[in-house]
Amino acid sequence: MTMTVPAQRRAPLPAPEWRGRTEVADRVVSKIACVAAAEVPEVRDVQPRGLPWTPSAGEVHGDQAVVRLNVSVAYPAPLHAVAARLREHVIARVAAQTGLHVTRLDITMTDVGGDLP
């Protein structure tokens, strides 16, 4: 008589919230935001703008982030329209790559220069 034994099953994994934590550093949010801002065609230069005691433009608090950027914009791009595109694009990029919700995005336009492509 031959007996078939069912295959051993792996123990089920614990729920995701019990497997550990993933933390995203402030400087990672800052770098993602700067790269995302530079992807907007009218933006010529992007610099992180941290507070004097923080070297990063991004601040992470739980699942939320605050971002501050200095940007130089091509002339004669309409600044309000560029700011709206920047806001939409940077917030979407940070959310897609980190899962964080950007609650505040401060944009300081520091210069205009260069021609539109």
PDB file of N, CA and C in Angstrom:
ATOM      1  N   MET A   1       0.839  -1.159   0.000  1.00  0.00           N
ATOM      2  CA  MET A   1       0.000   0.000   0.000  1.00  0.00           C
ATOM      3  C   MET A   1       0.895   1.237   0.000  1.00  0.00           C
ATOM      4  N   THR A   2       0.614   2.151  -0.914  1.00  0.00           N
ATOM      5  CA  THR A   2       1.368   3.391  -1.018  1.00  0.00           C
ATOM      6  C   THR A   2       0.505   4.534  -0.515  1.00  0.00           C
ATOM      7  N   MET A   3       1.135   5.401   0.284  1.00  0.00           N
ATOM      8  CA  MET A   3       0.401   6.539   0.836  1.00  0.00           C
ATOM      9  C   MET A   3       1.054   7.829   0.346  1.00  0.00           C
ATOM     10  N   THR A   4       0.241   8.770  -0.105  1.00  0.00           N
ATOM     11  CA  THR A   4       0.750  10.059  -0.565  1.00  0.00           C
ATOM     12  C   THR A   4       0.559  11.074   0.552  1.00  0.00           C
ATOM     13  N   VAL A   5       1.662  11.752   0.871  1.00  0.00           N
ATOM     14  CA  VAL A   5       1.617  12.760   1.923  1.00  0.00           C
ATOM     15  C   VAL A   5       1.565  14.136   1.251  1.00  0.00           C
ATOM     16  N   PRO A   6       0.623  14.975   1.667  1.00  0.00           N
ATOM     17  CA  PRO A   6       0.572  16.296   1.044  1.00  0.00           C
ATOM     18  C   PRO A   6       1.842  17.086   1.324  1.00  0.00           C
ATOM     19  N   ALA A   7       2.178  17.924   0.380  1.00  0.00           N
ATOM     20  CA  ALA A   7       3.387  18.749   0.523  1.00  0.00           C
ATOM     21  C   ALA A   7       3.258  19.660   1.741  1.00  0.00           C
ATOM     22  N   GLN A   8       4.392  19.890   2.337  1.00  0.00           N
ATOM     23  CA  GLN A   8       4.411  20.802   3.481  1.00  0.00           C
ATOM     24  C   GLN A   8       4.084  22.209   3.009  1.00  0.00           C
ATOM     25  N   ARG A   9       3.279  22.896   3.750  1.00  0.00           N
ATOM     26  CA  ARG A   9       2.971  24.282   3.426  1.00  0.00           C
ATOM     27  C   ARG A   9       3.829  25.184   4.276  1.00  0.00           C
ATOM     28  N   ARG A  10       4.242  26.276   3.655  1.00  0.00           N
ATOM     29  CA  ARG A  10       4.991  27.275   4.416  1.00  0.00           C
ATOM     30  C   ARG A  10       4.042  27.955   5.385  1.00  0.00           C
ATOM     31  N   ALA A  11       4.594  28.354   6.495  1.00  0.00           N
ATOM     32  CA  ALA A  11       3.796  29.108   7.458  1.00  0.00           C
ATOM     33  C   ALA A  11       3.397  30.426   6.813  1.00  0.00           C
ATOM     34  N   PRO A  12       2.166  30.865   7.024  1.00  0.00           N
ATOM     35  CA  PRO A  12       1.764  32.131   6.411  1.00  0.00           C
ATOM     36  C   PRO A  12       2.569  33.295   6.984  1.00  0.00           C
ATOM     37  N   LEU A  13       2.839  34.259   6.110  1.00  0.00           N
ATOM     38  CA  LEU A  13       3.566  35.444   6.556  1.00  0.00           C
ATOM     39  C   LEU A  13       2.680  36.283   7.463  1.00  0.00           C
ATOM     40  N   PRO A  14       3.296  36.944   8.418  1.00  0.00           N
ATOM     41  CA  PRO A  14       2.494  37.842   9.252  1.00  0.00           C
ATOM     42  C   PRO A  14       1.985  39.025   8.418  1.00  0.00           C
ATOM     43  N   ALA A  15       0.999  39.702   8.941  1.00  0.00           N
ATOM     44  CA  ALA A  15       0.445  40.873   8.252  1.00  0.00           C
ATOM     45  C   ALA A  15       1.553  41.891   8.003  1.00  0.00           C
ATOM     46  N   PRO A  16       1.454  42.666   6.918  1.00  0.00           N
ATOM     47  CA  PRO A  16       2.529  43.616   6.579  1.00  0.00           C
ATOM     48  C   PRO A  16       2.925  44.536   7.722  1.00  0.00           C
ATOM     49  N   GLU A  17       1.955  44.993   8.507  1.00  0.00           N
ATOM     50  CA  GLU A  17       2.294  45.912   9.594  1.00  0.00           C
ATOM     51  C   GLU A  17       3.111  45.249  10.702  1.00  0.00           C
ATOM     52  N   TRP A  18       3.179  43.929  10.684  1.00  0.00           N
ATOM     53  CA  TRP A  18       3.973  43.206  11.696  1.00  0.00           C
ATOM     54  C   TRP A  18       5.324  42.757  11.162  1.00  0.00           C
ATOM     55  N   ARG A  19       5.619  42.987   9.886  1.00  0.00           N
ATOM     56  CA  ARG A  19       6.881  42.523   9.285  1.00  0.00           C
ATOM     57  C   ARG A  19       8.036  43.484   9.488  1.00  0.00           C
ATOM     58  N   GLY A  20       7.764  44.701   9.882  1.00  0.00           N
ATOM     59  CA  GLY A  20       8.827  45.680  10.067  1.00  0.00           C
ATOM     60  C   GLY A  20       8.389  47.032   9.544  1.00  0.00           C
ATOM     61  N   ARG A  21       9.308  47.980   9.575  1.00  0.00           N
ATOM     62  CA  ARG A  21       9.011  49.342   9.136  1.00  0.00           C
ATOM     63  C   ARG A  21       9.892  49.728   7.972  1.00  0.00           C
ATOM     64  N   THR A  22       9.375  50.597   7.159  1.00  0.00           N
ATOM     65  CA  THR A  22      10.172  51.223   6.110  1.00  0.00           C
ATOM     66  C   THR A  22      10.163  52.712   6.400  1.00  0.00           C
ATOM     67  N   GLU A  23      11.336  53.278   6.534  1.00  0.00           N
ATOM     68  CA  GLU A  23      11.445  54.710   6.779  1.00  0.00           C
ATOM     69  C   GLU A  23      12.101  55.376   5.586  1.00  0.00           C
ATOM     70  N   VAL A  24      11.581  56.512   5.202  1.00  0.00           N
ATOM     71  CA  VAL A  24      12.144  57.289   4.101  1.00  0.00           C
ATOM     72  C   VAL A  24      12.791  58.526   4.715  1.00  0.00           C
ATOM     73  N   ALA A  25      14.071  58.692   4.470  1.00  0.00           N
ATOM     74  CA  ALA A  25      14.825  59.811   5.045  1.00  0.00           C
ATOM     75  C   ALA A  25      14.427  61.131   4.386  1.00  0.00           C
ATOM     76  N   ASP A  26      14.574  62.199   5.150  1.00  0.00           N
ATOM     77  CA  ASP A  26      14.284  63.544   4.642  1.00  0.00           C
ATOM     78  C   ASP A  26      15.039  63.825   3.349  1.00  0.00           C
ATOM     79  N   ARG A  27      16.309  63.453   3.311  1.00  0.00           N
ATOM     80  CA  ARG A  27      17.120  63.780   2.128  1.00  0.00           C
ATOM     81  C   ARG A  27      16.680  62.994   0.891  1.00  0.00           C
ATOM     82  N   VAL A  28      16.066  61.823   1.093  1.00  0.00           N
ATOM     83  CA  VAL A  28      15.544  61.066  -0.046  1.00  0.00           C
ATOM     84  C   VAL A  28      14.348  61.805  -0.650  1.00  0.00           C
ATOM     85  N   VAL A  29      13.459  62.291   0.200  1.00  0.00           N
ATOM     86  CA  VAL A  29      12.317  63.075  -0.279  1.00  0.00           C
ATOM     87  C   VAL A  29      12.820  64.326  -0.996  1.00  0.00           C
ATOM     88  N   SER A  30      13.833  64.963  -0.421  1.00  0.00           N
ATOM     89  CA  SER A  30      14.414  66.162  -1.014  1.00  0.00           C
ATOM     90  C   SER A  30      14.963  65.870  -2.408  1.00  0.00           C
ATOM     91  N   LYS A  31      15.696  64.792  -2.538  1.00  0.00           N
ATOM     92  CA  LYS A  31      16.311  64.453  -3.833  1.00  0.00           C
ATOM     93  C   LYS A  31      15.244  64.109  -4.871  1.00  0.00           C
ATOM     94  N   ILE A  32      14.240  63.334  -4.485  1.00  0.00           N
ATOM     95  CA  ILE A  32      13.162  62.985  -5.411  1.00  0.00           C
ATOM     96  C   ILE A  32      12.438  64.254  -5.863  1.00  0.00           C
ATOM     97  N   ALA A  33      12.162  65.157  -4.929  1.00  0.00           N
ATOM     98  CA  ALA A  33      11.464  66.403  -5.261  1.00  0.00           C
ATOM     99  C   ALA A  33      12.286  67.252  -6.222  1.00  0.00           C
ATOM    100  N   CYS A  34      13.595  67.350  -5.998  1.00  0.00           N
ATOM    101  CA  CYS A  34      14.458  68.150  -6.881  1.00  0.00           C
ATOM    102  C   CYS A  34      14.510  67.562  -8.282  1.00  0.00           C
ATOM    103  N   VAL A  35      14.645  66.256  -8.384  1.00  0.00           N
ATOM    104  CA  VAL A  35      14.688  65.610  -9.699  1.00  0.00           C
ATOM    105  C   VAL A  35      13.346  65.787 -10.411  1.00  0.00           C
ATOM    106  N   ALA A  36      12.253  65.620  -9.680  1.00  0.00           N
ATOM    107  CA  ALA A  36      10.921  65.776 -10.269  1.00  0.00           C
ATOM    108  C   ALA A  36      10.714  67.207 -10.761  1.00  0.00           C
ATOM    109  N   ALA A  37      11.137  68.188  -9.979  1.00  0.00           N
ATOM    110  CA  ALA A  37      10.987  69.589 -10.381  1.00  0.00           C
ATOM    111  C   ALA A  37      11.780  69.874 -11.651  1.00  0.00           C
ATOM    112  N   ALA A  38      12.954  69.294 -11.764  1.00  0.00           N
ATOM    113  CA  ALA A  38      13.792  69.518 -12.946  1.00  0.00           C
ATOM    114  C   ALA A  38      13.176  68.897 -14.205  1.00  0.00           C
ATOM    115  N   GLU A  39      12.236  67.972 -14.038  1.00  0.00           N
ATOM    116  CA  GLU A  39      11.563  67.353 -15.186  1.00  0.00           C
ATOM    117  C   GLU A  39      10.525  68.278 -15.834  1.00  0.00           C
ATOM    118  N   VAL A  40      10.139  69.339 -15.146  1.00  0.00           N
ATOM    119  CA  VAL A  40       9.183  70.302 -15.707  1.00  0.00           C
ATOM    120  C   VAL A  40       9.941  71.159 -16.721  1.00  0.00           C
ATOM    121  N   PRO A  41       9.481  71.225 -17.973  1.00  0.00           N
ATOM    122  CA  PRO A  41      10.259  71.851 -19.043  1.00  0.00           C
ATOM    123  C   PRO A  41      10.706  73.296 -18.798  1.00  0.00           C
ATOM    124  N   GLU A  42       9.899  74.101 -18.137  1.00  0.00           N
ATOM    125  CA  GLU A  42      10.253  75.510 -17.945  1.00  0.00           C
ATOM    126  C   GLU A  42      11.254  75.744 -16.820  1.00  0.00           C
ATOM    127  N   VAL A  43      11.533  74.718 -16.037  1.00  0.00           N
ATOM    128  CA  VAL A  43      12.449  74.868 -14.897  1.00  0.00           C
ATOM    129  C   VAL A  43      13.886  74.757 -15.391  1.00  0.00           C
ATOM    130  N   ARG A  44      14.699  75.752 -15.048  1.00  0.00           N
ATOM    131  CA  ARG A  44      16.104  75.778 -15.456  1.00  0.00           C
ATOM    132  C   ARG A  44      17.043  75.261 -14.375  1.00  0.00           C
ATOM    133  N   ASP A  45      16.720  75.517 -13.112  1.00  0.00           N
ATOM    134  CA  ASP A  45      17.582  75.084 -12.012  1.00  0.00           C
ATOM    135  C   ASP A  45      16.713  74.849 -10.783  1.00  0.00           C
ATOM    136  N   VAL A  46      17.101  73.860  -9.990  1.00  0.00           N
ATOM    137  CA  VAL A  46      16.377  73.543  -8.757  1.00  0.00           C
ATOM    138  C   VAL A  46      17.386  73.389  -7.637  1.00  0.00           C
ATOM    139  N   GLN A  47      17.091  73.988  -6.514  1.00  0.00           N
ATOM    140  CA  GLN A  47      17.925  73.851  -5.325  1.00  0.00           C
ATOM    141  C   GLN A  47      17.017  73.518  -4.142  1.00  0.00           C
ATOM    142  N   PRO A  48      17.452  72.590  -3.299  1.00  0.00           N
ATOM    143  CA  PRO A  48      16.660  72.334  -2.088  1.00  0.00           C
ATOM    144  C   PRO A  48      16.733  73.554  -1.179  1.00  0.00           C
ATOM    145  N   ARG A  49      15.666  73.824  -0.484  1.00  0.00           N
ATOM    146  CA  ARG A  49      15.639  74.972   0.410  1.00  0.00           C
ATOM    147  C   ARG A  49      15.263  74.482   1.795  1.00  0.00           C
ATOM    148  N   GLY A  50      16.264  74.125   2.569  1.00  0.00           N
ATOM    149  CA  GLY A  50      16.018  73.714   3.934  1.00  0.00           C
ATOM    150  C   GLY A  50      16.084  74.901   4.871  1.00  0.00           C
ATOM    151  N   LEU A  51      15.591  74.685   6.042  1.00  0.00           N
ATOM    152  CA  LEU A  51      15.718  75.707   7.075  1.00  0.00           C
ATOM    153  C   LEU A  51      17.172  75.762   7.519  1.00  0.00           C
ATOM    154  N   PRO A  52      17.616  76.830   8.167  1.00  0.00           N
ATOM    155  CA  PRO A  52      19.028  76.940   8.547  1.00  0.00           C
ATOM    156  C   PRO A  52      19.547  75.748   9.351  1.00  0.00           C
ATOM    157  N   TRP A  53      18.705  75.136  10.140  1.00  0.00           N
ATOM    158  CA  TRP A  53      19.173  74.009  10.964  1.00  0.00           C
ATOM    159  C   TRP A  53      18.906  72.655  10.314  1.00  0.00           C
ATOM    160  N   THR A  54      18.321  72.646   9.110  1.00  0.00           N
ATOM    161  CA  THR A  54      18.098  71.388   8.393  1.00  0.00           C
ATOM    162  C   THR A  54      18.685  71.502   6.992  1.00  0.00           C
ATOM    163  N   PRO A  55      19.592  70.613   6.625  1.00  0.00           N
ATOM    164  CA  PRO A  55      20.219  70.700   5.311  1.00  0.00           C
ATOM    165  C   PRO A  55      19.349  70.187   4.172  1.00  0.00           C
ATOM    166  N   SER A  56      18.191  69.633   4.478  1.00  0.00           N
ATOM    167  CA  SER A  56      17.353  69.011   3.466  1.00  0.00           C
ATOM    168  C   SER A  56      16.118  69.848   3.168  1.00  0.00           C
ATOM    169  N   ALA A  57      15.620  69.736   1.951  1.00  0.00           N
ATOM    170  CA  ALA A  57      14.399  70.437   1.563  1.00  0.00           C
ATOM    171  C   ALA A  57      13.167  69.632   1.931  1.00  0.00           C
ATOM    172  N   GLY A  58      13.346  68.380   2.301  1.00  0.00           N
ATOM    173  CA  GLY A  58      12.220  67.525   2.652  1.00  0.00           C
ATOM    174  C   GLY A  58      12.203  67.224   4.137  1.00  0.00           C
ATOM    175  N   GLU A  59      11.018  67.208   4.695  1.00  0.00           N
ATOM    176  CA  GLU A  59      10.845  66.823   6.090  1.00  0.00           C
ATOM    177  C   GLU A  59       9.748  65.773   6.148  1.00  0.00           C
ATOM    178  N   VAL A  60      10.068  64.623   6.718  1.00  0.00           N
ATOM    179  CA  VAL A  60       9.109  63.533   6.816  1.00  0.00           C
ATOM    180  C   VAL A  60       8.595  63.454   8.244  1.00  0.00           C
ATOM    181  N   HIS A  61       7.269  63.380   8.347  1.00  0.00           N
ATOM    182  CA  HIS A  61       6.606  63.232   9.644  1.00  0.00           C
ATOM    183  C   HIS A  61       5.581  62.114   9.490  1.00  0.00           C
ATOM    184  N   GLY A  62       5.959  60.906   9.882  1.00  0.00           N
ATOM    185  CA  GLY A  62       5.055  59.765   9.716  1.00  0.00           C
ATOM    186  C   GLY A  62       4.878  59.446   8.249  1.00  0.00           C
ATOM    187  N   ASP A  63       3.629  59.513   7.778  1.00  0.00           N
ATOM    188  CA  ASP A  63       3.368  59.233   6.362  1.00  0.00           C
ATOM    189  C   ASP A  63       3.141  60.519   5.561  1.00  0.00           C
ATOM    190  N   GLN A  64       3.590  61.640   6.117  1.00  0.00           N
ATOM    191  CA  GLN A  64       3.445  62.925   5.447  1.00  0.00           C
ATOM    192  C   GLN A  64       4.808  63.582   5.249  1.00  0.00           C
ATOM    193  N   ALA A  65       4.875  64.454   4.239  1.00  0.00           N
ATOM    194  CA  ALA A  65       6.126  65.151   3.948  1.00  0.00           C
ATOM    195  C   ALA A  65       5.843  66.621   3.625  1.00  0.00           C
ATOM    196  N   VAL A  66       6.812  67.448   3.973  1.00  0.00           N
ATOM    197  CA  VAL A  66       6.811  68.868   3.622  1.00  0.00           C
ATOM    198  C   VAL A  66       8.048  69.097   2.760  1.00  0.00           C
ATOM    199  N   VAL A  67       7.902  69.816   1.658  1.00  0.00           N
ATOM    200  CA  VAL A  67       9.013  70.038   0.729  1.00  0.00           C
ATOM    201  C   VAL A  67       9.142  71.534   0.451  1.00  0.00           C
ATOM    202  N   ARG A  68      10.401  72.004   0.411  1.00  0.00           N
ATOM    203  CA  ARG A  68      10.691  73.404   0.082  1.00  0.00           C
ATOM    204  C   ARG A  68      11.744  73.433  -1.022  1.00  0.00           C
ATOM    205  N   LEU A  69      11.437  74.154  -2.107  1.00  0.00           N
ATOM    206  CA  LEU A  69      12.353  74.212  -3.247  1.00  0.00           C
ATOM    207  C   LEU A  69      12.564  75.649  -3.709  1.00  0.00           C
ATOM    208  N   ASN A  70      13.776  75.930  -4.181  1.00  0.00           N
ATOM    209  CA  ASN A  70      14.095  77.164  -4.903  1.00  0.00           C
ATOM    210  C   ASN A  70      14.242  76.779  -6.367  1.00  0.00           C
ATOM    211  N   VAL A  71      13.561  77.499  -7.250  1.00  0.00           N
ATOM    212  CA  VAL A  71      13.659  77.167  -8.670  1.00  0.00           C
ATOM    213  C   VAL A  71      13.937  78.408  -9.504  1.00  0.00           C
ATOM    214  N   SER A  72      14.643  78.182 -10.596  1.00  0.00           N
ATOM    215  CA  SER A  72      14.867  79.201 -11.605  1.00  0.00           C
ATOM    216  C   SER A  72      14.029  78.789 -12.812  1.00  0.00           C
ATOM    217  N   VAL A  73      13.304  79.737 -13.384  1.00  0.00           N
ATOM    218  CA  VAL A  73      12.340  79.437 -14.441  1.00  0.00           C
ATOM    219  C   VAL A  73      12.738  80.163 -15.718  1.00  0.00           C
ATOM    220  N   ALA A  74      12.480  79.523 -16.856  1.00  0.00           N
ATOM    221  CA  ALA A  74      12.775  80.124 -18.157  1.00  0.00           C
ATOM    222  C   ALA A  74      11.888  81.331 -18.401  1.00  0.00           C
ATOM    223  N   TYR A  75      12.456  82.332 -19.059  1.00  0.00           N
ATOM    224  CA  TYR A  75      11.705  83.531 -19.437  1.00  0.00           C
ATOM    225  C   TYR A  75      11.136  83.307 -20.814  1.00  0.00           C
ATOM    226  N   PRO A  76       9.955  83.639 -21.109  1.00  0.00           N
ATOM    227  CA  PRO A  76       8.894  84.342 -20.407  1.00  0.00           C
ATOM    228  C   PRO A  76       7.782  83.416 -19.922  1.00  0.00           C
ATOM    229  N   ALA A  77       8.107  82.307 -19.333  1.00  0.00           N
ATOM    230  CA  ALA A  77       7.095  81.357 -18.861  1.00  0.00           C
ATOM    231  C   ALA A  77       6.182  82.004 -17.814  1.00  0.00           C
ATOM    232  N   PRO A  78       4.886  81.717 -17.871  1.00  0.00           N
ATOM    233  CA  PRO A  78       3.959  82.270 -16.884  1.00  0.00           C
ATOM    234  C   PRO A  78       4.182  81.588 -15.523  1.00  0.00           C
ATOM    235  N   LEU A  79       4.605  82.353 -14.536  1.00  0.00           N
ATOM    236  CA  LEU A  79       5.036  81.787 -13.262  1.00  0.00           C
ATOM    237  C   LEU A  79       3.935  81.030 -12.524  1.00  0.00           C
ATOM    238  N   HIS A  80       2.714  81.528 -12.540  1.00  0.00           N
ATOM    239  CA  HIS A  80       1.622  80.822 -11.867  1.00  0.00           C
ATOM    240  C   HIS A  80       1.376  79.458 -12.497  1.00  0.00           C
ATOM    241  N   ALA A  81       1.410  79.400 -13.808  1.00  0.00           N
ATOM    242  CA  ALA A  81       1.194  78.131 -14.503  1.00  0.00           C
ATOM    243  C   ALA A  81       2.340  77.157 -14.225  1.00  0.00           C
ATOM    244  N   VAL A  82       3.565  77.665 -14.219  1.00  0.00           N
ATOM    245  CA  VAL A  82       4.721  76.812 -13.928  1.00  0.00           C
ATOM    246  C   VAL A  82       4.628  76.290 -12.490  1.00  0.00           C
ATOM    247  N   ALA A  83       4.268  77.148 -11.557  1.00  0.00           N
ATOM    248  CA  ALA A  83       4.130  76.735 -10.157  1.00  0.00           C
ATOM    249  C   ALA A  83       3.065  75.651 -10.013  1.00  0.00           C
ATOM    250  N   ALA A  84       1.956  75.783 -10.718  1.00  0.00           N
ATOM    251  CA  ALA A  84       0.893  74.772 -10.660  1.00  0.00           C
ATOM    252  C   ALA A  84       1.382  73.432 -11.201  1.00  0.00           C
ATOM    253  N   ARG A  85       2.105  73.460 -12.341  1.00  0.00           N
ATOM    254  CA  ARG A  85       2.657  72.219 -12.905  1.00  0.00           C
ATOM    255  C   ARG A  85       3.689  71.603 -11.970  1.00  0.00           C
ATOM    256  N   LEU A  86       4.544  72.454 -11.408  1.00  0.00           N
ATOM    257  CA  LEU A  86       5.553  71.975 -10.456  1.00  0.00           C
ATOM    258  C   LEU A  86       4.885  71.276  -9.279  1.00  0.00           C
ATOM    259  N   ARG A  87       3.900  71.927  -8.704  1.00  0.00           N
ATOM    260  CA  ARG A  87       3.198  71.379  -7.545  1.00  0.00           C
ATOM    261  C   ARG A  87       2.606  70.005  -7.860  1.00  0.00           C
ATOM    262  N   GLU A  88       1.880  69.941  -8.966  1.00  0.00           N
ATOM    263  CA  GLU A  88       1.238  68.690  -9.357  1.00  0.00           C
ATOM    264  C   GLU A  88       2.258  67.581  -9.602  1.00  0.00           C
ATOM    265  N   HIS A  89       3.313  67.904 -10.350  1.00  0.00           N
ATOM    266  CA  HIS A  89       4.302  66.894 -10.730  1.00  0.00           C
ATOM    267  C   HIS A  89       5.129  66.417  -9.530  1.00  0.00           C
ATOM    268  N   VAL A  90       5.619  67.343  -8.729  1.00  0.00           N
ATOM    269  CA  VAL A  90       6.461  66.974  -7.580  1.00  0.00           C
ATOM    270  C   VAL A  90       5.657  66.162  -6.566  1.00  0.00           C
ATOM    271  N   ILE A  91       4.449  66.599  -6.265  1.00  0.00           N
ATOM    272  CA  ILE A  91       3.617  65.869  -5.296  1.00  0.00           C
ATOM    273  C   ILE A  91       3.324  64.456  -5.796  1.00  0.00           C
ATOM    274  N   ALA A  92       3.000  64.318  -7.078  1.00  0.00           N
ATOM    275  CA  ALA A  92       2.716  62.989  -7.641  1.00  0.00           C
ATOM    276  C   ALA A  92       3.949  62.094  -7.617  1.00  0.00           C
ATOM    277  N   ARG A  93       5.116  62.652  -7.968  1.00  0.00           N
ATOM    278  CA  ARG A  93       6.352  61.858  -7.981  1.00  0.00           C
ATOM    279  C   ARG A  93       6.743  61.375  -6.589  1.00  0.00           C
ATOM    280  N   VAL A  94       6.701  62.280  -5.627  1.00  0.00           N
ATOM    281  CA  VAL A  94       7.063  61.904  -4.255  1.00  0.00           C
ATOM    282  C   VAL A  94       6.106  60.827  -3.756  1.00  0.00           C
ATOM    283  N   ALA A  95       4.823  60.986  -4.010  1.00  0.00           N
ATOM    284  CA  ALA A  95       3.835  59.994  -3.573  1.00  0.00           C
ATOM    285  C   ALA A  95       4.069  58.648  -4.250  1.00  0.00           C
ATOM    286  N   ALA A  96       4.320  58.662  -5.560  1.00  0.00           N
ATOM    287  CA  ALA A  96       4.513  57.412  -6.296  1.00  0.00           C
ATOM    288  C   ALA A  96       5.761  56.669  -5.841  1.00  0.00           C
ATOM    289  N   GLN A  97       6.821  57.397  -5.543  1.00  0.00           N
ATOM    290  CA  GLN A  97       8.078  56.737  -5.209  1.00  0.00           C
ATOM    291  C   GLN A  97       8.237  56.420  -3.728  1.00  0.00           C
ATOM    292  N   THR A  98       7.539  57.131  -2.869  1.00  0.00           N
ATOM    293  CA  THR A  98       7.740  56.914  -1.432  1.00  0.00           C
ATOM    294  C   THR A  98       6.485  56.472  -0.697  1.00  0.00           C
ATOM    295  N   GLY A  99       5.324  56.719  -1.271  1.00  0.00           N
ATOM    296  CA  GLY A  99       4.079  56.431  -0.580  1.00  0.00           C
ATOM    297  C   GLY A  99       3.698  57.515   0.415  1.00  0.00           C
ATOM    298  N   LEU A 100       4.484  58.589   0.463  1.00  0.00           N
ATOM    299  CA  LEU A 100       4.208  59.679   1.392  1.00  0.00           C
ATOM    300  C   LEU A 100       3.234  60.676   0.769  1.00  0.00           C
ATOM    301  N   HIS A 101       2.459  61.319   1.616  1.00  0.00           N
ATOM    302  CA  HIS A 101       1.533  62.361   1.184  1.00  0.00           C
ATOM    303  C   HIS A 101       2.198  63.709   1.447  1.00  0.00           C
ATOM    304  N   VAL A 102       2.437  64.483   0.377  1.00  0.00           N
ATOM    305  CA  VAL A 102       3.036  65.802   0.536  1.00  0.00           C
ATOM    306  C   VAL A 102       1.933  66.761   0.980  1.00  0.00           C
ATOM    307  N   THR A 103       2.037  67.228   2.213  1.00  0.00           N
ATOM    308  CA  THR A 103       1.012  68.114   2.761  1.00  0.00           C
ATOM    309  C   THR A 103       1.304  69.577   2.459  1.00  0.00           C
ATOM    310  N   ARG A 104       2.557  69.868   2.153  1.00  0.00           N
ATOM    311  CA  ARG A 104       2.935  71.255   1.857  1.00  0.00           C
ATOM    312  C   ARG A 104       4.128  71.247   0.910  1.00  0.00           C
ATOM    313  N   LEU A 105       4.054  72.073  -0.135  1.00  0.00           N
ATOM    314  CA  LEU A 105       5.154  72.239  -1.078  1.00  0.00           C
ATOM    315  C   LEU A 105       5.369  73.733  -1.262  1.00  0.00           C
ATOM    316  N   ASP A 106       6.454  74.239  -0.680  1.00  0.00           N
ATOM    317  CA  ASP A 106       6.797  75.655  -0.807  1.00  0.00           C
ATOM    318  C   ASP A 106       7.753  75.829  -1.981  1.00  0.00           C
ATOM    319  N   ILE A 107       7.377  76.686  -2.908  1.00  0.00           N
ATOM    320  CA  ILE A 107       8.208  76.952  -4.085  1.00  0.00           C
ATOM    321  C   ILE A 107       8.602  78.428  -4.057  1.00  0.00           C
ATOM    322  N   THR A 108       9.902  78.684  -4.077  1.00  0.00           N
ATOM    323  CA  THR A 108      10.402  80.049  -4.194  1.00  0.00           C
ATOM    324  C   THR A 108      11.052  80.174  -5.561  1.00  0.00           C
ATOM    325  N   MET A 109      10.538  81.072  -6.367  1.00  0.00           N
ATOM    326  CA  MET A 109      11.124  81.302  -7.683  1.00  0.00           C
ATOM    327  C   MET A 109      12.207  82.355  -7.507  1.00  0.00           C
ATOM    328  N   THR A 110      13.442  81.923  -7.666  1.00  0.00           N
ATOM    329  CA  THR A 110      14.590  82.766  -7.351  1.00  0.00           C
ATOM    330  C   THR A 110      15.153  83.519  -8.545  1.00  0.00           C
ATOM    331  N   ASP A 111      14.808  83.077  -9.756  1.00  0.00           N
ATOM    332  CA  ASP A 111      15.395  83.719 -10.938  1.00  0.00           C
ATOM    333  C   ASP A 111      14.572  83.359 -12.169  1.00  0.00           C
ATOM    334  N   VAL A 112      14.623  84.226 -13.160  1.00  0.00           N
ATOM    335  CA  VAL A 112      14.104  83.907 -14.485  1.00  0.00           C
ATOM    336  C   VAL A 112      15.236  84.128 -15.463  1.00  0.00           C
ATOM    337  N   GLY A 113      15.327  83.274 -16.413  1.00  0.00           N
ATOM    338  CA  GLY A 113      16.432  83.410 -17.361  1.00  0.00           C
ATOM    339  C   GLY A 113      16.401  82.306 -18.377  1.00  0.00           C
ATOM    340  N   GLY A 114      17.180  82.456 -19.398  1.00  0.00           N
ATOM    341  CA  GLY A 114      17.195  81.465 -20.463  1.00  0.00           C
ATOM    342  C   GLY A 114      15.883  81.514 -21.227  1.00  0.00           C
ATOM    343  N   ASP A 115      15.892  81.055 -22.421  1.00  0.00           N
ATOM    344  CA  ASP A 115      14.675  81.083 -23.239  1.00  0.00           C
ATOM    345  C   ASP A 115      13.963  79.754 -23.146  1.00  0.00           C
ATOM    346  N   LEU A 116      12.677  79.794 -23.411  1.00  0.00           N
ATOM    347  CA  LEU A 116      11.904  78.564 -23.482  1.00  0.00           C
ATOM    348  C   LEU A 116      12.399  77.749 -24.662  1.00  0.00           C
ATOM    349  N   PRO A 117      12.357  76.443 -24.536  1.00  0.00           N
ATOM    350  CA  PRO A 117      12.803  75.595 -25.666  1.00  0.00           C
ATOM    351  C   PRO A 117      11.919  75.722 -26.869  1.00  0.00           C
TER     352      PRO A 117
END
